[in-house]
Amino acid sequence: MWTVIYIAPNAKTAERIEDRLAGEGFFVKVRQTNIAKQQYEILVPETELDEVQEVLKEILHSSHRYP
C-alpha cells in the first residue's frame, strides 16, 4: 500500500524530493492533488515509511539551509 509522506507546494519541489528519495533507493510516486492544482503528493510504500521519513527530514532540512 502506498502512503503519502509529504505534500509539495509545487512541481519543482516534488520532483527534487522524488529524485533524492529515488537516488537513495526508495520507490516513489508523485501525483497532483485534487484539492489544489499546484500541490503534489509524495507517496512511498508503507513498508519503507520509517526509513523514508528519516531521509525526507534530511532533504527538507538541507533545502532550508540552501535556497
Protein backbone atom coordinates (compact mmCIF):
# COMPACT_ATOMS: atom_id res chain seq x y z
CA MET A 1 0.00 0.00 0.00
CA TRP A 2 1.25 3.48 -0.88
CA THR A 3 1.32 6.20 1.79
CA VAL A 4 1.54 9.97 1.40
CA ILE A 5 4.60 11.23 3.27
CA TYR A 6 4.67 14.83 2.09
CA ILE A 7 2.65 17.36 0.11
CA ALA A 8 4.91 19.51 -2.00
CA PRO A 9 3.82 23.09 -2.76
CA ASN A 10 4.84 22.89 -6.43
CA ALA A 11 6.07 20.54 -9.16
CA LYS A 12 9.72 21.59 -8.83
CA THR A 13 9.85 20.71 -5.14
CA ALA A 14 8.03 17.42 -5.75
CA GLU A 15 10.50 16.49 -8.48
CA ARG A 16 13.51 17.36 -6.31
CA ILE A 17 12.22 15.22 -3.42
CA GLU A 18 11.32 12.36 -5.76
CA ASP A 19 14.81 12.42 -7.31
CA ARG A 20 16.55 12.46 -3.93
CA LEU A 21 14.46 9.63 -2.49
CA ALA A 22 14.82 7.52 -5.63
CA GLY A 23 18.56 8.20 -5.53
CA GLU A 24 18.57 6.70 -2.03
CA GLY A 25 16.95 3.56 -3.44
CA PHE A 26 13.33 4.12 -2.42
CA PHE A 27 10.27 3.54 -4.58
CA VAL A 28 8.47 6.86 -5.00
CA LYS A 29 5.30 8.07 -6.72
CA VAL A 30 4.19 11.65 -7.23
CA ARG A 31 0.65 12.70 -8.01
CA GLN A 32 -1.11 16.02 -8.26
CA THR A 33 -3.64 16.64 -5.50
CA ASN A 34 -7.32 17.10 -6.23
CA ILE A 35 -7.56 19.94 -3.73
CA ALA A 36 -5.04 22.39 -5.17
CA LYS A 37 -3.64 22.17 -8.67
CA GLN A 38 -0.23 23.41 -7.52
CA GLN A 39 0.27 20.76 -4.82
CA TYR A 40 1.77 17.31 -5.30
CA GLU A 41 1.65 14.28 -3.03
CA ILE A 42 4.83 12.29 -2.50
CA LEU A 43 3.96 8.63 -1.89
CA VAL A 44 6.10 5.69 -0.79
CA PRO A 45 5.35 2.06 0.07
CA GLU A 46 4.11 1.70 3.63
CA THR A 47 6.88 -0.84 4.32
CA GLU A 48 9.55 1.83 3.70
CA LEU A 49 7.83 4.57 5.69
CA ASP A 50 10.19 4.75 8.68
CA GLU A 51 13.36 4.80 6.59
CA VAL A 52 11.96 7.32 4.12
CA GLN A 53 10.87 9.70 6.89
CA GLU A 54 14.46 9.98 8.14
CA VAL A 55 15.79 10.74 4.66
CA LEU A 56 12.94 13.18 3.99
CA LYS A 57 13.84 15.12 7.15
CA GLU A 58 17.39 15.50 5.86
CA ILE A 59 16.17 16.60 2.42
CA LEU A 60 13.80 19.20 3.85
CA HIS A 61 16.37 20.45 6.35
CA SER A 62 19.02 20.88 3.67
CA SER A 63 16.60 22.76 1.39
CA HIS A 64 16.02 25.37 4.11
CA ARG A 65 19.74 25.97 4.55
CA TYR A 66 20.50 26.30 0.85
CA PRO A 67 17.78 28.06 -1.11
